[in-house]
Amino acid sequence: MEDALPALDVDVDPRLLEILVCPLTRGPLEYDREKAELVSRSARLAYPIRDGVPIMLPEEARELGEGE
């Protein structure tokens, strides 16, 4: 049984990525297009993007697994 979600075709404006930072660490974010998330390596969190809008709330973020 496969648990992976289908890839979402969500685009994020590159200018937005230049100014957004992790709300916890103020560190940079990486865009994961396949999972439609903004990833903070320093906080080990992935913030979801819903309907093209980044949800920058720590309580909405997913914790990164060991291999991520």
N, C-alpha and C. Protein backbone atom coordinates (compact mmCIF):
# COMPACT_ATOMS: atom_id res chain seq x y z
N MET A 1 0.84 -1.18 0.00
CA MET A 1 0.00 0.00 0.00
C MET A 1 0.88 1.24 0.00
N GLU A 2 0.62 2.14 -0.92
CA GLU A 2 1.45 3.33 -1.07
C GLU A 2 0.79 4.50 -0.35
N ASP A 3 1.55 5.16 0.54
CA ASP A 3 1.03 6.28 1.32
C ASP A 3 1.35 7.63 0.71
N ALA A 4 2.16 7.65 -0.34
CA ALA A 4 2.61 8.92 -0.92
C ALA A 4 1.44 9.64 -1.57
N LEU A 5 1.40 10.94 -1.35
CA LEU A 5 0.40 11.78 -2.00
C LEU A 5 0.84 12.10 -3.42
N PRO A 6 -0.10 12.27 -4.33
CA PRO A 6 0.30 12.67 -5.68
C PRO A 6 0.96 14.05 -5.66
N ALA A 7 1.87 14.26 -6.57
CA ALA A 7 2.56 15.56 -6.64
C ALA A 7 1.56 16.66 -6.95
N LEU A 8 1.68 17.75 -6.25
CA LEU A 8 0.80 18.90 -6.46
C LEU A 8 1.53 19.91 -7.31
N ASP A 9 0.84 20.46 -8.29
CA ASP A 9 1.46 21.45 -9.16
C ASP A 9 1.20 22.83 -8.60
N VAL A 10 2.02 23.22 -7.63
CA VAL A 10 1.88 24.51 -6.97
C VAL A 10 3.14 25.31 -7.26
N ASP A 11 2.94 26.50 -7.78
CA ASP A 11 4.08 27.38 -8.02
C ASP A 11 4.11 28.46 -6.96
N VAL A 12 5.32 28.78 -6.53
CA VAL A 12 5.51 29.86 -5.56
C VAL A 12 6.37 30.91 -6.25
N ASP A 13 5.95 32.14 -6.12
CA ASP A 13 6.69 33.26 -6.71
C ASP A 13 8.11 33.29 -6.15
N PRO A 14 9.12 33.24 -7.00
CA PRO A 14 10.51 33.26 -6.51
C PRO A 14 10.83 34.48 -5.65
N ARG A 15 10.19 35.60 -5.93
CA ARG A 15 10.41 36.80 -5.10
C ARG A 15 9.90 36.59 -3.68
N LEU A 16 8.82 35.84 -3.55
CA LEU A 16 8.28 35.52 -2.23
C LEU A 16 9.27 34.65 -1.46
N LEU A 17 9.87 33.69 -2.14
CA LEU A 17 10.85 32.81 -1.49
C LEU A 17 12.07 33.59 -0.99
N GLU A 18 12.39 34.67 -1.66
CA GLU A 18 13.54 35.48 -1.24
C GLU A 18 13.29 36.20 0.08
N ILE A 19 12.03 36.51 0.38
CA ILE A 19 11.76 37.28 1.60
C ILE A 19 11.21 36.43 2.75
N LEU A 20 10.63 35.26 2.45
CA LEU A 20 10.10 34.42 3.51
C LEU A 20 11.23 33.75 4.28
N VAL A 21 11.06 33.67 5.59
CA VAL A 21 12.00 32.95 6.46
C VAL A 21 11.19 32.10 7.43
N CYS A 22 11.85 31.15 8.05
CA CYS A 22 11.20 30.32 9.06
C CYS A 22 10.80 31.22 10.24
N PRO A 23 9.55 31.13 10.69
CA PRO A 23 9.11 31.98 11.79
C PRO A 23 9.79 31.63 13.13
N LEU A 24 10.33 30.44 13.25
CA LEU A 24 10.99 30.06 14.50
C LEU A 24 12.46 30.42 14.53
N THR A 25 13.17 30.15 13.44
CA THR A 25 14.62 30.33 13.43
C THR A 25 15.07 31.55 12.64
N ARG A 26 14.17 32.13 11.87
CA ARG A 26 14.50 33.23 10.94
C ARG A 26 15.49 32.79 9.87
N GLY A 27 15.62 31.48 9.70
CA GLY A 27 16.51 30.92 8.70
C GLY A 27 15.83 30.79 7.35
N PRO A 28 16.62 30.46 6.31
CA PRO A 28 16.08 30.34 4.96
C PRO A 28 15.17 29.13 4.81
N LEU A 29 14.33 29.19 3.78
CA LEU A 29 13.41 28.11 3.45
C LEU A 29 13.73 27.57 2.08
N GLU A 30 13.53 26.27 1.90
CA GLU A 30 13.69 25.63 0.60
C GLU A 30 12.31 25.22 0.11
N TYR A 31 12.07 25.39 -1.17
CA TYR A 31 10.79 25.04 -1.77
C TYR A 31 10.83 23.60 -2.25
N ASP A 32 9.94 22.76 -1.73
CA ASP A 32 9.78 21.38 -2.20
C ASP A 32 8.50 21.34 -3.03
N ARG A 33 8.68 21.44 -4.34
CA ARG A 33 7.52 21.50 -5.24
C ARG A 33 6.71 20.21 -5.21
N GLU A 34 7.38 19.07 -5.14
CA GLU A 34 6.69 17.78 -5.16
C GLU A 34 5.73 17.63 -3.98
N LYS A 35 6.14 18.11 -2.82
CA LYS A 35 5.29 17.99 -1.62
C LYS A 35 4.51 19.26 -1.31
N ALA A 36 4.70 20.31 -2.11
CA ALA A 36 4.05 21.61 -1.89
C ALA A 36 4.29 22.10 -0.47
N GLU A 37 5.59 22.21 -0.14
CA GLU A 37 5.99 22.64 1.20
C GLU A 37 7.18 23.59 1.12
N LEU A 38 7.31 24.42 2.15
CA LEU A 38 8.51 25.21 2.35
C LEU A 38 9.23 24.58 3.53
N VAL A 39 10.48 24.20 3.31
CA VAL A 39 11.23 23.42 4.29
C VAL A 39 12.24 24.29 5.01
N SER A 40 12.20 24.21 6.34
CA SER A 40 13.20 24.86 7.18
C SER A 40 14.11 23.76 7.74
N ARG A 41 15.32 23.67 7.20
CA ARG A 41 16.26 22.65 7.67
C ARG A 41 16.68 22.93 9.12
N SER A 42 16.82 24.22 9.46
CA SER A 42 17.28 24.56 10.81
C SER A 42 16.24 24.22 11.88
N ALA A 43 14.95 24.34 11.56
CA ALA A 43 13.90 24.01 12.52
C ALA A 43 13.41 22.57 12.34
N ARG A 44 13.84 21.91 11.26
CA ARG A 44 13.41 20.55 10.93
C ARG A 44 11.88 20.48 10.76
N LEU A 45 11.34 21.52 10.08
CA LEU A 45 9.91 21.60 9.83
C LEU A 45 9.64 21.87 8.36
N ALA A 46 8.46 21.41 7.90
CA ALA A 46 8.01 21.68 6.54
C ALA A 46 6.65 22.36 6.64
N TYR A 47 6.58 23.58 6.13
CA TYR A 47 5.35 24.37 6.17
C TYR A 47 4.55 24.10 4.90
N PRO A 48 3.26 23.78 5.03
CA PRO A 48 2.46 23.46 3.84
C PRO A 48 2.13 24.70 3.02
N ILE A 49 1.88 24.45 1.74
CA ILE A 49 1.37 25.49 0.84
C ILE A 49 -0.01 25.03 0.42
N ARG A 50 -1.01 25.81 0.75
CA ARG A 50 -2.39 25.45 0.43
C ARG A 50 -2.99 26.51 -0.50
N ASP A 51 -3.47 26.06 -1.63
CA ASP A 51 -4.05 26.96 -2.63
C ASP A 51 -3.10 28.09 -2.97
N GLY A 52 -1.80 27.77 -3.04
CA GLY A 52 -0.79 28.75 -3.41
C GLY A 52 -0.35 29.67 -2.29
N VAL A 53 -0.87 29.44 -1.07
CA VAL A 53 -0.54 30.30 0.07
C VAL A 53 0.29 29.53 1.09
N PRO A 54 1.51 29.98 1.38
CA PRO A 54 2.31 29.31 2.42
C PRO A 54 1.68 29.52 3.79
N ILE A 55 1.51 28.44 4.52
CA ILE A 55 0.96 28.49 5.87
C ILE A 55 2.15 28.46 6.83
N MET A 56 2.54 29.63 7.30
CA MET A 56 3.77 29.78 8.08
C MET A 56 3.52 29.71 9.58
N LEU A 57 2.70 28.80 10.00
CA LEU A 57 2.40 28.59 11.42
C LEU A 57 3.08 27.31 11.89
N PRO A 58 3.92 27.39 12.92
CA PRO A 58 4.61 26.19 13.40
C PRO A 58 3.65 25.04 13.75
N GLU A 59 2.47 25.36 14.26
CA GLU A 59 1.53 24.30 14.62
C GLU A 59 0.93 23.61 13.39
N GLU A 60 1.05 24.21 12.22
CA GLU A 60 0.57 23.60 10.98
C GLU A 60 1.69 22.85 10.25
N ALA A 61 2.92 23.03 10.69
CA ALA A 61 4.07 22.44 10.01
C ALA A 61 4.21 20.96 10.35
N ARG A 62 4.85 20.26 9.42
CA ARG A 62 5.15 18.84 9.59
C ARG A 62 6.60 18.71 10.01
N GLU A 63 6.87 17.86 11.01
CA GLU A 63 8.26 17.61 11.40
C GLU A 63 8.93 16.76 10.34
N LEU A 64 10.17 17.11 10.01
CA LEU A 64 10.92 16.35 9.03
C LEU A 64 11.37 15.02 9.63
N GLY A 65 11.35 13.99 8.81
CA GLY A 65 11.82 12.68 9.23
C GLY A 65 13.33 12.61 9.20
N GLU A 66 13.88 11.49 9.61
CA GLU A 66 15.32 11.30 9.67
C GLU A 66 16.03 11.51 8.34
N GLY A 67 15.47 11.01 7.25
CA GLY A 67 16.12 11.09 5.94
C GLY A 67 15.83 12.35 5.16
N GLU A 68 15.07 13.23 5.74
CA GLU A 68 14.67 14.45 5.00
C GLU A 68 15.58 15.61 5.28
